[in-house]
Amino acid sequence: MVSDEHMRAGLTPFHGWSKKGSLRYYAGATPTNMVSGMYSFVPCRLANGVKSGFARPEIKLDGLINPNLRQQARSSEPLDVATVPDLWHQVVGQVLDQRLALATRLDVPQ
């Protein structure tokens, strides 16, 4: 279901080091298969010959994102599903405001 490169870089280091058998794979929403107008993306920018990465974009969502927790959002209360698209648009806007783009497909270079 996924490439060998994806398994080595994205799954095995975090989930597969001692697993026997299969792992469950969840495909994200895409621009052509959105969920309530939303799709999965990762922040990106054009490489333009630069070999290093870029800083994680700063995302501010009062009461939801703690800037001291770099890996995850925390919420003590369940979110109202009706608010999620607005929150998604806020995240998209903040990523774009930081001169980044939204990657929805990452091809492994040859």
PDB file of N, CA and C in Angstrom:
ATOM      1  N   MET A   1       0.805  -1.199   0.000  1.00  0.00           N
ATOM      2  CA  MET A   1       0.000   0.000   0.000  1.00  0.00           C
ATOM      3  C   MET A   1       0.856   1.274   0.000  1.00  0.00           C
ATOM      4  N   VAL A   2       2.038   1.198   0.604  1.00  0.00           N
ATOM      5  CA  VAL A   2       2.952   2.340   0.601  1.00  0.00           C
ATOM      6  C   VAL A   2       4.305   1.889   0.071  1.00  0.00           C
ATOM      7  N   SER A   3       5.111   2.855  -0.340  1.00  0.00           N
ATOM      8  CA  SER A   3       6.431   2.525  -0.877  1.00  0.00           C
ATOM      9  C   SER A   3       7.372   2.050   0.226  1.00  0.00           C
ATOM     10  N   ASP A   4       8.427   1.379  -0.168  1.00  0.00           N
ATOM     11  CA  ASP A   4       9.443   0.961   0.793  1.00  0.00           C
ATOM     12  C   ASP A   4      10.055   2.170   1.497  1.00  0.00           C
ATOM     13  N   GLU A   5      10.246   3.267   0.744  1.00  0.00           N
ATOM     14  CA  GLU A   5      10.809   4.483   1.328  1.00  0.00           C
ATOM     15  C   GLU A   5       9.898   5.035   2.423  1.00  0.00           C
ATOM     16  N   HIS A   6       8.591   5.017   2.166  1.00  0.00           N
ATOM     17  CA  HIS A   6       7.622   5.504   3.161  1.00  0.00           C
ATOM     18  C   HIS A   6       7.679   4.645   4.427  1.00  0.00           C
ATOM     19  N   MET A   7       7.750   3.345   4.239  1.00  0.00           N
ATOM     20  CA  MET A   7       7.835   2.450   5.399  1.00  0.00           C
ATOM     21  C   MET A   7       9.100   2.737   6.210  1.00  0.00           C
ATOM     22  N   ARG A   8      10.249   2.836   5.527  1.00  0.00           N
ATOM     23  CA  ARG A   8      11.519   3.044   6.232  1.00  0.00           C
ATOM     24  C   ARG A   8      11.578   4.394   6.926  1.00  0.00           C
ATOM     25  N   ALA A   9      11.090   5.444   6.268  1.00  0.00           N
ATOM     26  CA  ALA A   9      11.226   6.795   6.824  1.00  0.00           C
ATOM     27  C   ALA A   9      10.057   7.211   7.701  1.00  0.00           C
ATOM     28  N   GLY A  10       8.862   6.758   7.384  1.00  0.00           N
ATOM     29  CA  GLY A  10       7.696   7.287   8.062  1.00  0.00           C
ATOM     30  C   GLY A  10       6.988   6.380   9.036  1.00  0.00           C
ATOM     31  N   LEU A  11       7.120   5.091   8.895  1.00  0.00           N
ATOM     32  CA  LEU A  11       6.362   4.189   9.754  1.00  0.00           C
ATOM     33  C   LEU A  11       7.236   3.347  10.678  1.00  0.00           C
ATOM     34  N   THR A  12       8.184   2.660  10.100  1.00  0.00           N
ATOM     35  CA  THR A  12       8.998   1.733  10.902  1.00  0.00           C
ATOM     36  C   THR A  12       9.682   2.410  12.087  1.00  0.00           C
ATOM     37  N   PRO A  13      10.296   3.595  11.931  1.00  0.00           N
ATOM     38  CA  PRO A  13      10.970   4.193  13.089  1.00  0.00           C
ATOM     39  C   PRO A  13      10.029   4.488  14.258  1.00  0.00           C
ATOM     40  N   PHE A  14       8.767   4.688  13.982  1.00  0.00           N
ATOM     41  CA  PHE A  14       7.835   5.089  15.037  1.00  0.00           C
ATOM     42  C   PHE A  14       6.910   3.967  15.493  1.00  0.00           C
ATOM     43  N   HIS A  15       6.590   3.047  14.596  1.00  0.00           N
ATOM     44  CA  HIS A  15       5.558   2.062  14.922  1.00  0.00           C
ATOM     45  C   HIS A  15       5.940   0.614  14.652  1.00  0.00           C
ATOM     46  N   GLY A  16       6.942   0.385  13.838  1.00  0.00           N
ATOM     47  CA  GLY A  16       7.148  -0.968  13.376  1.00  0.00           C
ATOM     48  C   GLY A  16       8.380  -1.676  13.886  1.00  0.00           C
ATOM     49  N   TRP A  17       9.100  -1.072  14.830  1.00  0.00           N
ATOM     50  CA  TRP A  17      10.363  -1.688  15.236  1.00  0.00           C
ATOM     51  C   TRP A  17      10.188  -3.041  15.901  1.00  0.00           C
ATOM     52  N   SER A  18       9.090  -3.294  16.576  1.00  0.00           N
ATOM     53  CA  SER A  18       8.922  -4.601  17.216  1.00  0.00           C
ATOM     54  C   SER A  18       7.601  -5.248  16.831  1.00  0.00           C
ATOM     55  N   LYS A  19       6.989  -4.758  15.794  1.00  0.00           N
ATOM     56  CA  LYS A  19       5.695  -5.282  15.370  1.00  0.00           C
ATOM     57  C   LYS A  19       5.863  -6.494  14.484  1.00  0.00           C
ATOM     58  N   LYS A  20       5.048  -7.471  14.728  1.00  0.00           N
ATOM     59  CA  LYS A  20       4.950  -8.628  13.844  1.00  0.00           C
ATOM     60  C   LYS A  20       3.588  -8.539  13.173  1.00  0.00           C
ATOM     61  N   GLY A  21       3.520  -8.881  11.923  1.00  0.00           N
ATOM     62  CA  GLY A  21       2.243  -8.819  11.231  1.00  0.00           C
ATOM     63  C   GLY A  21       2.070  -7.502  10.510  1.00  0.00           C
ATOM     64  N   SER A  22       0.832  -7.048  10.392  1.00  0.00           N
ATOM     65  CA  SER A  22       0.538  -5.873   9.587  1.00  0.00           C
ATOM     66  C   SER A  22       0.219  -4.662  10.452  1.00  0.00           C
ATOM     67  N   LEU A  23       0.340  -3.509   9.829  1.00  0.00           N
ATOM     68  CA  LEU A  23      -0.027  -2.238  10.451  1.00  0.00           C
ATOM     69  C   LEU A  23      -1.252  -1.690   9.737  1.00  0.00           C
ATOM     70  N   ARG A  24      -2.069  -0.929  10.424  1.00  0.00           N
ATOM     71  CA  ARG A  24      -3.228  -0.300   9.797  1.00  0.00           C
ATOM     72  C   ARG A  24      -2.777   0.984   9.125  1.00  0.00           C
ATOM     73  N   TYR A  25      -3.245   1.232   7.932  1.00  0.00           N
ATOM     74  CA  TYR A  25      -2.884   2.418   7.163  1.00  0.00           C
ATOM     75  C   TYR A  25      -4.135   3.257   6.926  1.00  0.00           C
ATOM     76  N   TYR A  26      -4.060   4.530   7.280  1.00  0.00           N
ATOM     77  CA  TYR A  26      -5.168   5.456   7.051  1.00  0.00           C
ATOM     78  C   TYR A  26      -4.755   6.444   5.973  1.00  0.00           C
ATOM     79  N   ALA A  27      -5.508   6.515   4.922  1.00  0.00           N
ATOM     80  CA  ALA A  27      -5.253   7.494   3.875  1.00  0.00           C
ATOM     81  C   ALA A  27      -5.952   8.794   4.245  1.00  0.00           C
ATOM     82  N   GLY A  28      -5.285   9.899   4.006  1.00  0.00           N
ATOM     83  CA  GLY A  28      -5.855  11.200   4.353  1.00  0.00           C
ATOM     84  C   GLY A  28      -6.787  11.725   3.281  1.00  0.00           C
ATOM     85  N   ALA A  29      -7.529  12.762   3.643  1.00  0.00           N
ATOM     86  CA  ALA A  29      -8.368  13.457   2.675  1.00  0.00           C
ATOM     87  C   ALA A  29      -7.451  14.183   1.693  1.00  0.00           C
ATOM     88  N   THR A  30      -7.872  14.298   0.465  1.00  0.00           N
ATOM     89  CA  THR A  30      -7.065  14.933  -0.578  1.00  0.00           C
ATOM     90  C   THR A  30      -7.830  16.105  -1.180  1.00  0.00           C
ATOM     91  N   PRO A  31      -7.145  16.973  -1.919  1.00  0.00           N
ATOM     92  CA  PRO A  31      -7.867  18.074  -2.573  1.00  0.00           C
ATOM     93  C   PRO A  31      -8.961  17.586  -3.521  1.00  0.00           C
ATOM     94  N   THR A  32      -8.822  16.378  -4.059  1.00  0.00           N
ATOM     95  CA  THR A  32      -9.874  15.845  -4.935  1.00  0.00           C
ATOM     96  C   THR A  32     -10.867  14.970  -4.182  1.00  0.00           C
ATOM     97  N   ASN A  33     -10.588  14.685  -2.917  1.00  0.00           N
ATOM     98  CA  ASN A  33     -11.483  13.885  -2.083  1.00  0.00           C
ATOM     99  C   ASN A  33     -11.522  14.505  -0.682  1.00  0.00           C
ATOM    100  N   MET A  34     -12.057  15.722  -0.617  1.00  0.00           N
ATOM    101  CA  MET A  34     -12.074  16.485   0.629  1.00  0.00           C
ATOM    102  C   MET A  34     -13.103  15.950   1.613  1.00  0.00           C
ATOM    103  N   VAL A  35     -12.905  16.307   2.866  1.00  0.00           N
ATOM    104  CA  VAL A  35     -13.870  16.025   3.920  1.00  0.00           C
ATOM    105  C   VAL A  35     -14.303  17.383   4.469  1.00  0.00           C
ATOM    106  N   SER A  36     -15.545  17.730   4.253  1.00  0.00           N
ATOM    107  CA  SER A  36     -16.085  19.027   4.688  1.00  0.00           C
ATOM    108  C   SER A  36     -15.209  20.187   4.226  1.00  0.00           C
ATOM    109  N   GLY A  37     -14.700  20.090   2.988  1.00  0.00           N
ATOM    110  CA  GLY A  37     -13.875  21.156   2.419  1.00  0.00           C
ATOM    111  C   GLY A  37     -12.435  21.149   2.896  1.00  0.00           C
ATOM    112  N   MET A  38     -12.034  20.143   3.667  1.00  0.00           N
ATOM    113  CA  MET A  38     -10.679  20.070   4.212  1.00  0.00           C
ATOM    114  C   MET A  38      -9.929  18.898   3.592  1.00  0.00           C
ATOM    115  N   TYR A  39      -8.602  18.997   3.600  1.00  0.00           N
ATOM    116  CA  TYR A  39      -7.757  17.916   3.117  1.00  0.00           C
ATOM    117  C   TYR A  39      -6.455  17.896   3.912  1.00  0.00           C
ATOM    118  N   SER A  40      -5.782  16.759   3.862  1.00  0.00           N
ATOM    119  CA  SER A  40      -4.517  16.598   4.568  1.00  0.00           C
ATOM    120  C   SER A  40      -3.409  17.303   3.797  1.00  0.00           C
ATOM    121  N   PHE A  41      -2.490  17.916   4.530  1.00  0.00           N
ATOM    122  CA  PHE A  41      -1.338  18.563   3.904  1.00  0.00           C
ATOM    123  C   PHE A  41      -0.191  18.622   4.908  1.00  0.00           C
ATOM    124  N   VAL A  42       0.989  18.894   4.382  1.00  0.00           N
ATOM    125  CA  VAL A  42       2.137  19.223   5.224  1.00  0.00           C
ATOM    126  C   VAL A  42       2.690  20.549   4.726  1.00  0.00           C
ATOM    127  N   PRO A  43       3.140  21.410   5.631  1.00  0.00           N
ATOM    128  CA  PRO A  43       3.768  22.652   5.190  1.00  0.00           C
ATOM    129  C   PRO A  43       5.025  22.350   4.370  1.00  0.00           C
ATOM    130  N   CYS A  44       5.270  23.145   3.353  1.00  0.00           N
ATOM    131  CA  CYS A  44       6.444  22.947   2.510  1.00  0.00           C
ATOM    132  C   CYS A  44       6.876  24.285   1.930  1.00  0.00           C
ATOM    133  N   ARG A  45       8.023  24.271   1.272  1.00  0.00           N
ATOM    134  CA  ARG A  45       8.458  25.423   0.484  1.00  0.00           C
ATOM    135  C   ARG A  45       9.335  24.910  -0.642  1.00  0.00           C
ATOM    136  N   LEU A  46       9.471  25.716  -1.663  1.00  0.00           N
ATOM    137  CA  LEU A  46      10.322  25.337  -2.774  1.00  0.00           C
ATOM    138  C   LEU A  46      11.763  25.238  -2.294  1.00  0.00           C
ATOM    139  N   ALA A  47      12.459  24.223  -2.741  1.00  0.00           N
ATOM    140  CA  ALA A  47      13.842  24.035  -2.314  1.00  0.00           C
ATOM    141  C   ALA A  47      14.768  25.067  -2.942  1.00  0.00           C
ATOM    142  N   ASN A  48      14.542  25.402  -4.211  1.00  0.00           N
ATOM    143  CA  ASN A  48      15.391  26.371  -4.912  1.00  0.00           C
ATOM    144  C   ASN A  48      16.876  26.123  -4.661  1.00  0.00           C
ATOM    145  N   GLY A  49      17.270  24.866  -4.670  1.00  0.00           N
ATOM    146  CA  GLY A  49      18.672  24.515  -4.486  1.00  0.00           C
ATOM    147  C   GLY A  49      19.130  24.432  -3.042  1.00  0.00           C
ATOM    148  N   VAL A  50      18.286  24.838  -2.089  1.00  0.00           N
ATOM    149  CA  VAL A  50      18.649  24.774  -0.675  1.00  0.00           C
ATOM    150  C   VAL A  50      18.537  23.332  -0.206  1.00  0.00           C
ATOM    151  N   LYS A  51      19.536  22.853   0.512  1.00  0.00           N
ATOM    152  CA  LYS A  51      19.560  21.450   0.953  1.00  0.00           C
ATOM    153  C   LYS A  51      19.042  21.277   2.374  1.00  0.00           C
ATOM    154  N   SER A  52      18.853  22.372   3.119  1.00  0.00           N
ATOM    155  CA  SER A  52      18.377  22.252   4.501  1.00  0.00           C
ATOM    156  C   SER A  52      16.878  22.507   4.575  1.00  0.00           C
ATOM    157  N   GLY A  53      16.292  22.141   5.695  1.00  0.00           N
ATOM    158  CA  GLY A  53      14.860  22.309   5.890  1.00  0.00           C
ATOM    159  C   GLY A  53      14.491  23.714   6.333  1.00  0.00           C
ATOM    160  N   PHE A  54      13.331  23.836   6.937  1.00  0.00           N
ATOM    161  CA  PHE A  54      12.854  25.116   7.435  1.00  0.00           C
ATOM    162  C   PHE A  54      12.227  24.881   8.793  1.00  0.00           C
ATOM    163  N   ALA A  55      12.087  25.952   9.535  1.00  0.00           N
ATOM    164  CA  ALA A  55      11.524  25.850  10.885  1.00  0.00           C
ATOM    165  C   ALA A  55      10.059  25.435  10.815  1.00  0.00           C
ATOM    166  N   ARG A  56       9.635  24.715  11.842  1.00  0.00           N
ATOM    167  CA  ARG A  56       8.231  24.341  11.948  1.00  0.00           C
ATOM    168  C   ARG A  56       7.403  25.634  12.000  1.00  0.00           C
ATOM    169  N   PRO A  57       6.330  25.731  11.208  1.00  0.00           N
ATOM    170  CA  PRO A  57       5.536  26.957  11.260  1.00  0.00           C
ATOM    171  C   PRO A  57       4.902  27.145  12.635  1.00  0.00           C
ATOM    172  N   GLU A  58       4.823  28.375  13.047  1.00  0.00           N
ATOM    173  CA  GLU A  58       4.185  28.684  14.327  1.00  0.00           C
ATOM    174  C   GLU A  58       2.678  28.779  14.103  1.00  0.00           C
ATOM    175  N   ILE A  59       1.933  27.965  14.830  1.00  0.00           N
ATOM    176  CA  ILE A  59       0.474  27.944  14.718  1.00  0.00           C
ATOM    177  C   ILE A  59      -0.099  28.372  16.057  1.00  0.00           C
ATOM    178  N   LYS A  60      -0.993  29.351  16.017  1.00  0.00           N
ATOM    179  CA  LYS A  60      -1.633  29.838  17.234  1.00  0.00           C
ATOM    180  C   LYS A  60      -3.139  29.606  17.147  1.00  0.00           C
ATOM    181  N   LEU A  61      -3.626  28.766  18.021  1.00  0.00           N
ATOM    182  CA  LEU A  61      -5.064  28.535  18.168  1.00  0.00           C
ATOM    183  C   LEU A  61      -5.332  28.566  19.670  1.00  0.00           C
ATOM    184  N   ASP A  62      -5.798  29.698  20.143  1.00  0.00           N
ATOM    185  CA  ASP A  62      -5.993  29.881  21.579  1.00  0.00           C
ATOM    186  C   ASP A  62      -6.796  28.743  22.196  1.00  0.00           C
ATOM    187  N   GLY A  63      -6.238  28.183  23.270  1.00  0.00           N
ATOM    188  CA  GLY A  63      -6.902  27.111  23.984  1.00  0.00           C
ATOM    189  C   GLY A  63      -6.721  25.730  23.379  1.00  0.00           C
ATOM    190  N   LEU A  64      -6.131  25.651  22.178  1.00  0.00           N
ATOM    191  CA  LEU A  64      -5.959  24.353  21.517  1.00  0.00           C
ATOM    192  C   LEU A  64      -4.501  23.979  21.306  1.00  0.00           C
ATOM    193  N   ILE A  65      -3.678  24.947  20.970  1.00  0.00           N
ATOM    194  CA  ILE A  65      -2.271  24.664  20.683  1.00  0.00           C
ATOM    195  C   ILE A  65      -1.425  25.281  21.777  1.00  0.00           C
ATOM    196  N   ASN A  66      -0.644  24.450  22.416  1.00  0.00           N
ATOM    197  CA  ASN A  66       0.311  24.915  23.412  1.00  0.00           C
ATOM    198  C   ASN A  66       1.657  25.007  22.710  1.00  0.00           C
ATOM    199  N   PRO A  67       2.243  26.204  22.574  1.00  0.00           N
ATOM    200  CA  PRO A  67       3.507  26.324  21.830  1.00  0.00           C
ATOM    201  C   PRO A  67       4.658  25.551  22.466  1.00  0.00           C
ATOM    202  N   ASN A  68       4.513  25.120  23.708  1.00  0.00           N
ATOM    203  CA  ASN A  68       5.560  24.344  24.363  1.00  0.00           C
ATOM    204  C   ASN A  68       5.473  22.851  24.034  1.00  0.00           C
ATOM    205  N   LEU A  69       4.378  22.422  23.423  1.00  0.00           N
ATOM    206  CA  LEU A  69       4.218  21.034  22.983  1.00  0.00           C
ATOM    207  C   LEU A  69       4.420  21.020  21.473  1.00  0.00           C
ATOM    208  N   ARG A  70       5.605  20.711  21.021  1.00  0.00           N
ATOM    209  CA  ARG A  70       5.950  20.834  19.612  1.00  0.00           C
ATOM    210  C   ARG A  70       5.362  19.744  18.726  1.00  0.00           C
ATOM    211  N   GLN A  71       4.854  18.670  19.283  1.00  0.00           N
ATOM    212  CA  GLN A  71       4.414  17.549  18.469  1.00  0.00           C
ATOM    213  C   GLN A  71       2.901  17.413  18.365  1.00  0.00           C
ATOM    214  N   GLN A  72       2.144  18.103  19.197  1.00  0.00           N
ATOM    215  CA  GLN A  72       0.715  17.803  19.202  1.00  0.00           C
ATOM    216  C   GLN A  72      -0.122  18.950  19.750  1.00  0.00           C
ATOM    217  N   ALA A  73      -1.385  18.924  19.408  1.00  0.00           N
ATOM    218  CA  ALA A  73      -2.359  19.848  19.989  1.00  0.00           C
ATOM    219  C   ALA A  73      -3.006  19.166  21.177  1.00  0.00           C
ATOM    220  N   ARG A  74      -3.404  19.927  22.143  1.00  0.00           N
ATOM    221  CA  ARG A  74      -4.082  19.380  23.323  1.00  0.00           C
ATOM    222  C   ARG A  74      -5.397  20.126  23.527  1.00  0.00           C
ATOM    223  N   SER A  75      -6.420  19.397  23.850  1.00  0.00           N
ATOM    224  CA  SER A  75      -7.700  19.993  24.182  1.00  0.00           C
ATOM    225  C   SER A  75      -8.322  19.154  25.287  1.00  0.00           C
ATOM    226  N   SER A  76      -8.786  19.816  26.332  1.00  0.00           N
ATOM    227  CA  SER A  76      -9.397  19.067  27.426  1.00  0.00           C
ATOM    228  C   SER A  76     -10.868  18.767  27.144  1.00  0.00           C
ATOM    229  N   GLU A  77     -11.448  19.507  26.243  1.00  0.00           N
ATOM    230  CA  GLU A  77     -12.852  19.313  25.879  1.00  0.00           C
ATOM    231  C   GLU A  77     -12.946  18.847  24.432  1.00  0.00           C
ATOM    232  N   PRO A  78     -13.883  17.952  24.142  1.00  0.00           N
ATOM    233  CA  PRO A  78     -14.074  17.554  22.736  1.00  0.00           C
ATOM    234  C   PRO A  78     -14.465  18.768  21.897  1.00  0.00           C
ATOM    235  N   LEU A  79     -13.974  18.806  20.681  1.00  0.00           N
ATOM    236  CA  LEU A  79     -14.315  19.902  19.778  1.00  0.00           C
ATOM    237  C   LEU A  79     -15.689  19.684  19.167  1.00  0.00           C
ATOM    238  N   ASP A  80     -16.412  20.755  18.988  1.00  0.00           N
ATOM    239  CA  ASP A  80     -17.660  20.707  18.240  1.00  0.00           C
ATOM    240  C   ASP A  80     -17.285  20.514  16.771  1.00  0.00           C
ATOM    241  N   VAL A  81     -17.788  19.471  16.158  1.00  0.00           N
ATOM    242  CA  VAL A  81     -17.431  19.149  14.776  1.00  0.00           C
ATOM    243  C   VAL A  81     -17.665  20.345  13.857  1.00  0.00           C
ATOM    244  N   ALA A  82     -18.645  21.159  14.129  1.00  0.00           N
ATOM    245  CA  ALA A  82     -18.946  22.313  13.274  1.00  0.00           C
ATOM    246  C   ALA A  82     -17.826  23.344  13.294  1.00  0.00           C
ATOM    247  N   THR A  83     -16.972  23.347  14.333  1.00  0.00           N
ATOM    248  CA  THR A  83     -15.887  24.335  14.414  1.00  0.00           C
ATOM    249  C   THR A  83     -14.622  23.880  13.685  1.00  0.00           C
ATOM    250  N   VAL A  84     -14.518  22.611  13.347  1.00  0.00           N
ATOM    251  CA  VAL A  84     -13.278  22.078  12.780  1.00  0.00           C
ATOM    252  C   VAL A  84     -12.918  22.731  11.446  1.00  0.00           C
ATOM    253  N   PRO A  85     -13.841  22.905  10.487  1.00  0.00           N
ATOM    254  CA  PRO A  85     -13.437  23.570   9.239  1.00  0.00           C
ATOM    255  C   PRO A  85     -12.871  24.978   9.468  1.00  0.00           C
ATOM    256  N   ASP A  86     -13.453  25.733  10.384  1.00  0.00           N
ATOM    257  CA  ASP A  86     -12.913  27.071  10.666  1.00  0.00           C
ATOM    258  C   ASP A  86     -11.503  26.981  11.236  1.00  0.00           C
ATOM    259  N   LEU A  87     -11.273  26.045  12.146  1.00  0.00           N
ATOM    260  CA  LEU A  87      -9.933  25.855  12.708  1.00  0.00           C
ATOM    261  C   LEU A  87      -8.949  25.442  11.613  1.00  0.00           C
ATOM    262  N   TRP A  88      -9.367  24.545  10.721  1.00  0.00           N
ATOM    263  CA  TRP A  88      -8.512  24.106   9.607  1.00  0.00           C
ATOM    264  C   TRP A  88      -8.129  25.310   8.749  1.00  0.00           C
ATOM    265  N   HIS A  89      -9.109  26.172   8.434  1.00  0.00           N
ATOM    266  CA  HIS A  89      -8.821  27.364   7.619  1.00  0.00           C
ATOM    267  C   HIS A  89      -7.873  28.311   8.351  1.00  0.00           C
ATOM    268  N   GLN A  90      -7.986  28.415   9.669  1.00  0.00           N
ATOM    269  CA  GLN A  90      -7.049  29.239  10.426  1.00  0.00           C
ATOM    270  C   GLN A  90      -5.627  28.691  10.309  1.00  0.00           C
ATOM    271  N   VAL A  91      -5.488  27.378  10.421  1.00  0.00           N
ATOM    272  CA  VAL A  91      -4.167  26.753  10.286  1.00  0.00           C
ATOM    273  C   VAL A  91      -3.618  26.995   8.883  1.00  0.00           C
ATOM    274  N   VAL A  92      -4.425  26.768   7.867  1.00  0.00           N
ATOM    275  CA  VAL A  92      -3.991  27.000   6.482  1.00  0.00           C
ATOM    276  C   VAL A  92      -3.532  28.442   6.311  1.00  0.00           C
ATOM    277  N   GLY A  93      -4.312  29.384   6.792  1.00  0.00           N
ATOM    278  CA  GLY A  93      -3.949  30.796   6.674  1.00  0.00           C
ATOM    279  C   GLY A  93      -2.631  31.113   7.365  1.00  0.00           C
ATOM    280  N   GLN A  94      -2.426  30.553   8.543  1.00  0.00           N
ATOM    281  CA  GLN A  94      -1.188  30.811   9.270  1.00  0.00           C
ATOM    282  C   GLN A  94       0.019  30.191   8.558  1.00  0.00           C
ATOM    283  N   VAL A  95      -0.150  29.010   7.984  1.00  0.00           N
ATOM    284  CA  VAL A  95       0.941  28.383   7.221  1.00  0.00           C
ATOM    285  C   VAL A  95       1.278  29.250   6.007  1.00  0.00           C
ATOM    286  N   LEU A  96       0.267  29.674   5.258  1.00  0.00           N
ATOM    287  CA  LEU A  96       0.498  30.497   4.068  1.00  0.00           C
ATOM    288  C   LEU A  96       1.083  31.855   4.432  1.00  0.00           C
ATOM    289  N   ASP A  97       0.654  32.442   5.547  1.00  0.00           N
ATOM    290  CA  ASP A  97       1.184  33.731   5.992  1.00  0.00           C
ATOM    291  C   ASP A  97       2.674  33.662   6.314  1.00  0.00           C
ATOM    292  N   GLN A  98       3.174  32.463   6.589  1.00  0.00           N
ATOM    293  CA  GLN A  98       4.596  32.293   6.893  1.00  0.00           C
ATOM    294  C   GLN A  98       5.397  31.919   5.651  1.00  0.00           C
ATOM    295  N   ARG A  99       4.823  32.243   4.495  1.00  0.00           N
ATOM    296  CA  ARG A  99       5.460  32.053   3.197  1.00  0.00           C
ATOM    297  C   ARG A  99       5.785  30.591   2.905  1.00  0.00           C
ATOM    298  N   LEU A 100       4.910  29.722   3.392  1.00  0.00           N
ATOM    299  CA  LEU A 100       5.011  28.296   3.102  1.00  0.00           C
ATOM    300  C   LEU A 100       3.858  27.906   2.195  1.00  0.00           C
ATOM    301  N   ALA A 101       3.926  26.724   1.660  1.00  0.00           N
ATOM    302  CA  ALA A 101       2.866  26.199   0.791  1.00  0.00           C
ATOM    303  C   ALA A 101       2.306  24.934   1.434  1.00  0.00           C
ATOM    304  N   LEU A 102       1.283  24.382   0.811  1.00  0.00           N
ATOM    305  CA  LEU A 102       0.622  23.185   1.322  1.00  0.00           C
ATOM    306  C   LEU A 102       0.933  22.015   0.399  1.00  0.00           C
ATOM    307  N   ALA A 103       1.734  21.073   0.868  1.00  0.00           N
ATOM    308  CA  ALA A 103       2.054  19.884   0.063  1.00  0.00           C
ATOM    309  C   ALA A 103       0.998  18.821   0.308  1.00  0.00           C
ATOM    310  N   THR A 104       0.481  18.282  -0.771  1.00  0.00           N
ATOM    311  CA  THR A 104      -0.513  17.218  -0.653  1.00  0.00           C
ATOM    312  C   THR A 104      -0.020  15.919  -1.279  1.00  0.00           C
ATOM    313  N   ARG A 105       1.153  15.970  -1.860  1.00  0.00           N
ATOM    314  CA  ARG A 105       1.774  14.773  -2.446  1.00  0.00           C
ATOM    315  C   ARG A 105       3.280  14.978  -2.400  1.00  0.00           C
ATOM    316  N   LEU A 106       3.974  14.006  -1.864  1.00  0.00           N
ATOM    317  CA  LEU A 106       5.437  14.081  -1.767  1.00  0.00           C
ATOM    318  C   LEU A 106       6.026  12.906  -2.523  1.00  0.00           C
ATOM    319  N   ASP A 107       6.683  13.194  -3.630  1.00  0.00           N
ATOM    320  CA  ASP A 107       7.313  12.144  -4.418  1.00  0.00           C
ATOM    321  C   ASP A 107       8.763  11.981  -3.971  1.00  0.00           C
ATOM    322  N   VAL A 108       9.214  10.756  -3.919  1.00  0.00           N
ATOM    323  CA  VAL A 108      10.590  10.462  -3.555  1.00  0.00           C
ATOM    324  C   VAL A 108      11.479  10.797  -4.761  1.00  0.00           C
ATOM    325  N   PRO A 109      12.516  11.638  -4.560  1.00  0.00           N
ATOM    326  CA  PRO A 109      13.391  11.958  -5.690  1.00  0.00           C
ATOM    327  C   PRO A 109      14.145  10.725  -6.187  1.00  0.00           C
ATOM    328  N   GLN A 110      14.444  10.698  -7.452  1.00  0.00           N
ATOM    329  CA  GLN A 110      15.200   9.575  -8.050  1.00  0.00           C
ATOM    330  C   GLN A 110      16.649   9.624  -7.620  1.00  0.00           C
TER     331      GLN A 110
END
